[in-house]
Amino acid sequence: MSEGIWVKVCGLTTPDAVAAAVDAGVNAVGFVFAESKRRVGALQAAELARDVPRNILRVAVMLHPSQAELDEVWSQFRPDVLQTDVDDFAALRVPTELRVTPVFRAGRELPATLPTRLLFEGPLSGTGETTDWSAAASLAVRTQLILAGGLSPANVAEAISIARPFGVDVSSGVEARAGVKDPQKIYDFVRNARAAGNGAVK
């Protein structure tokens, strides 16, 4: 990619935060539908994402959703991508038009065959705790790995240098307080990630 590493800002809850992510040049914006301080409803996400350019992916971030919950998000929000734990997909009927990003968590046994793209993070989402960057590095040579968990403007360059991921995903690390993003931190994160990623992307 000409712009270097792929970047997603997750847990967006306000128009200002969405605008900052778009202005910073992210590849994807994430809206959380699981229990969280960052949780939004499907119609709220649709409104927040209304002016997001089509070249930026709109990601529905879920955790153990029921079929009814997924159907509601799909009908009211129409995301481009569904992100949820890899084990969740066995019980879901995912619309054919909806791309998926399975979440693999550090410390769990991984299958021999990996999907083309996955998100790798720690045992719990949204806690601000970093995951195992060295373990991520061993996976990143096998798939398009998006690194998440405890990333911030201050540590994203180091994380990229160790894990050498396809992409990075940030949420709590660019917040002014829990659930509320800081536009300047979003800009700083994207800038630092792209600067570091220029030498790390395969």
Protein backbone atom coordinates (compact mmCIF):
# COMPACT_ATOMS: atom_id res chain seq x y z
CA MET A 1 0.00 0.00 0.00
CA SER A 2 1.30 3.44 -0.83
CA GLU A 3 0.21 4.77 2.55
CA GLY A 4 2.04 2.07 4.48
CA ILE A 5 0.50 0.22 7.37
CA TRP A 6 -3.27 -0.33 7.62
CA VAL A 7 -4.86 1.59 10.52
CA LYS A 8 -8.22 1.25 12.29
CA VAL A 9 -9.62 3.43 15.07
CA CYS A 10 -12.22 1.55 17.09
CA GLY A 11 -14.88 2.41 19.63
CA LEU A 12 -15.99 5.66 18.01
CA THR A 13 -18.97 7.30 19.72
CA THR A 14 -19.06 10.95 18.60
CA PRO A 15 -19.14 12.83 15.29
CA ASP A 16 -15.92 14.68 16.22
CA ALA A 17 -14.07 11.41 16.75
CA VAL A 18 -15.29 9.99 13.44
CA ALA A 19 -14.28 13.19 11.65
CA ALA A 20 -10.83 13.10 13.25
CA ALA A 21 -10.30 9.48 12.18
CA VAL A 22 -11.37 10.26 8.61
CA ASP A 23 -9.21 13.40 8.47
CA ALA A 24 -6.23 11.45 9.82
CA GLY A 25 -6.54 9.03 6.91
CA VAL A 26 -7.49 5.76 8.60
CA ASN A 27 -8.38 2.65 6.62
CA ALA A 28 -11.25 1.63 8.90
CA VAL A 29 -13.51 2.95 11.63
CA GLY A 30 -14.95 0.61 14.25
CA PHE A 31 -18.24 0.80 16.13
CA VAL A 32 -18.71 -1.39 19.20
CA PHE A 33 -21.94 -3.32 19.72
CA ALA A 34 -20.71 -5.41 22.66
CA GLU A 35 -20.99 -4.45 26.34
CA SER A 36 -18.61 -1.51 26.73
CA LYS A 37 -18.42 2.18 27.60
CA ARG A 38 -18.03 2.57 23.84
CA ARG A 39 -21.19 0.69 22.91
CA VAL A 40 -23.47 2.27 20.33
CA GLY A 41 -26.77 1.21 18.80
CA ALA A 42 -27.12 0.20 15.16
CA LEU A 43 -29.00 3.36 14.17
CA GLN A 44 -26.51 5.51 16.10
CA ALA A 45 -23.63 3.86 14.25
CA ALA A 46 -25.37 4.44 10.93
CA GLU A 47 -25.73 8.14 11.73
CA LEU A 48 -22.11 8.45 12.92
CA ALA A 49 -20.84 6.73 9.77
CA ARG A 50 -23.15 8.55 7.36
CA ASP A 51 -20.44 10.80 5.90
CA VAL A 52 -17.55 8.33 6.10
CA PRO A 53 -16.06 7.97 2.59
CA ARG A 54 -16.68 4.62 0.94
CA ASN A 55 -12.97 3.84 0.73
CA ILE A 56 -12.87 3.67 4.56
CA LEU A 57 -14.23 0.41 5.95
CA ARG A 58 -17.02 0.58 8.53
CA VAL A 59 -16.51 -2.25 11.01
CA ALA A 60 -19.14 -3.70 13.36
CA VAL A 61 -17.29 -4.90 16.45
CA MET A 62 -19.26 -7.56 18.31
CA LEU A 63 -18.63 -10.23 20.94
CA HIS A 64 -20.62 -13.47 21.03
CA PRO A 65 -23.58 -11.88 19.20
CA SER A 66 -26.84 -13.69 18.75
CA GLN A 67 -28.18 -14.07 15.23
CA ALA A 68 -30.86 -11.50 16.05
CA GLU A 69 -28.23 -8.98 17.17
CA LEU A 70 -26.20 -9.49 14.01
CA ASP A 71 -29.33 -9.23 11.85
CA GLU A 72 -30.28 -5.93 13.51
CA VAL A 73 -26.82 -4.44 13.01
CA TRP A 74 -26.79 -5.60 9.39
CA SER A 75 -30.25 -4.25 8.56
CA GLN A 76 -29.87 -0.88 10.32
CA PHE A 77 -26.15 -0.12 9.96
CA ARG A 78 -24.98 -2.12 6.91
CA PRO A 79 -21.32 -2.42 7.95
CA ASP A 80 -18.61 -3.48 5.54
CA VAL A 81 -16.93 -5.84 8.00
CA LEU A 82 -17.98 -7.93 11.01
CA GLN A 83 -15.31 -8.33 13.69
CA THR A 84 -15.94 -10.88 16.44
CA ASP A 85 -14.21 -13.81 18.13
CA VAL A 86 -13.28 -16.59 15.73
CA ASP A 87 -15.43 -19.14 17.60
CA ASP A 88 -18.55 -17.00 17.16
CA PHE A 89 -18.76 -17.58 13.42
CA ALA A 90 -19.74 -21.25 13.75
CA ALA A 91 -23.16 -20.25 15.11
CA LEU A 92 -23.83 -17.27 12.82
CA ARG A 93 -25.35 -16.90 9.39
CA VAL A 94 -23.27 -14.04 8.01
CA PRO A 95 -24.63 -12.19 4.96
CA THR A 96 -22.57 -12.98 1.89
CA GLU A 97 -21.87 -9.27 1.28
CA LEU A 98 -20.43 -8.83 4.78
CA ARG A 99 -16.68 -9.35 5.10
CA VAL A 100 -15.34 -10.82 8.33
CA THR A 101 -12.32 -10.25 10.56
CA PRO A 102 -12.04 -13.04 13.14
CA VAL A 103 -10.48 -12.13 16.48
CA PHE A 104 -7.75 -14.44 17.79
CA ARG A 105 -6.67 -13.93 21.40
CA ALA A 106 -3.18 -14.33 22.87
CA GLY A 107 -2.71 -17.45 24.96
CA ARG A 108 -5.22 -19.56 23.06
CA GLU A 109 -4.25 -22.43 20.82
CA LEU A 110 -4.30 -21.39 17.19
CA PRO A 111 -5.38 -23.54 14.25
CA ALA A 112 -2.90 -24.76 11.67
CA THR A 113 -4.81 -22.95 8.94
CA LEU A 114 -5.38 -19.24 9.47
CA PRO A 115 -7.80 -16.91 7.67
CA THR A 116 -6.40 -14.42 5.18
CA ARG A 117 -6.81 -11.62 7.70
CA LEU A 118 -7.30 -11.68 11.46
CA LEU A 119 -7.15 -9.40 14.49
CA PHE A 120 -4.83 -10.44 17.31
CA GLU A 121 -5.26 -9.09 20.82
CA GLY A 122 -5.24 -10.01 24.50
CA PRO A 123 -7.77 -12.06 26.48
CA LEU A 124 -10.14 -9.11 26.98
CA SER A 125 -10.99 -6.32 24.56
CA GLY A 126 -11.00 -2.63 25.49
CA THR A 127 -8.90 -2.96 28.66
CA GLY A 128 -5.88 -1.00 27.45
CA GLU A 129 -3.54 -3.91 28.18
CA THR A 130 -0.89 -4.70 25.60
CA THR A 131 -0.79 -8.15 24.07
CA ASP A 132 2.20 -10.37 23.28
CA TRP A 133 3.95 -8.60 20.39
CA SER A 134 6.46 -11.43 19.90
CA ALA A 135 3.66 -13.98 19.57
CA ALA A 136 2.00 -11.62 17.10
CA ALA A 137 5.20 -11.49 15.07
CA SER A 138 5.20 -15.26 14.61
CA LEU A 139 1.66 -15.05 13.26
CA ALA A 140 2.25 -11.98 11.11
CA VAL A 141 4.45 -13.94 8.71
CA ARG A 142 1.52 -16.31 8.02
CA THR A 143 -1.42 -13.94 7.53
CA GLN A 144 -2.51 -10.32 7.38
CA LEU A 145 -2.37 -9.68 11.13
CA ILE A 146 -4.02 -6.63 12.65
CA LEU A 147 -2.45 -5.95 16.04
CA ALA A 148 -4.69 -4.65 18.82
CA GLY A 149 -4.57 -4.31 22.59
CA GLY A 150 -3.06 -1.45 24.56
CA LEU A 151 -1.68 0.46 21.59
CA SER A 152 -1.20 4.22 21.86
CA PRO A 153 0.65 7.03 20.07
CA ALA A 154 3.56 6.42 22.46
CA ASN A 155 4.06 2.69 21.86
CA VAL A 156 2.72 1.96 18.38
CA ALA A 157 6.09 2.41 16.68
CA GLU A 158 7.73 -0.11 19.02
CA ALA A 159 4.82 -2.52 18.57
CA ILE A 160 5.15 -2.33 14.79
CA SER A 161 8.92 -2.82 14.92
CA ILE A 162 8.49 -6.03 16.94
CA ALA A 163 5.29 -7.55 15.54
CA ARG A 164 5.62 -6.30 11.94
CA PRO A 165 1.85 -6.52 11.42
CA PHE A 166 -0.25 -5.81 8.38
CA GLY A 167 -2.24 -3.32 10.45
CA VAL A 168 -2.88 -1.81 13.86
CA ASP A 169 -6.11 -1.14 15.75
CA VAL A 170 -6.51 1.38 18.58
CA SER A 171 -9.33 2.29 20.94
CA SER A 172 -8.59 3.23 24.57
CA GLY A 173 -5.12 4.50 23.66
CA VAL A 174 -6.58 7.52 21.85
CA GLU A 175 -9.14 8.52 24.47
CA ALA A 176 -9.43 11.60 26.66
CA ARG A 177 -11.44 9.46 29.08
CA ALA A 178 -13.12 6.07 28.85
CA GLY A 179 -15.39 6.01 25.84
CA VAL A 180 -14.51 9.51 24.58
CA LYS A 181 -11.85 9.89 21.90
CA ASP A 182 -9.26 12.68 21.80
CA PRO A 183 -8.92 13.95 18.19
CA GLN A 184 -5.29 14.97 18.68
CA LYS A 185 -4.38 11.51 19.95
CA ILE A 186 -6.06 10.00 16.89
CA TYR A 187 -3.93 12.18 14.61
CA ASP A 188 -0.79 11.36 16.58
CA PHE A 189 -1.49 7.62 16.51
CA VAL A 190 -2.05 7.50 12.76
CA ARG A 191 1.01 9.64 12.08
CA ASN A 192 3.26 7.54 14.32
CA ALA A 193 1.90 4.26 12.97
CA ARG A 194 2.41 5.28 9.36
CA ALA A 195 5.93 6.57 10.04
CA ALA A 196 6.88 3.30 11.70
CA GLY A 197 4.97 1.16 9.23
CA ASN A 198 6.88 2.43 6.20
CA GLY A 199 9.68 0.08 7.15
CA ALA A 200 7.59 -2.77 8.53
CA VAL A 201 4.91 -3.64 5.97
CA LYS A 202 5.67 -6.76 3.94
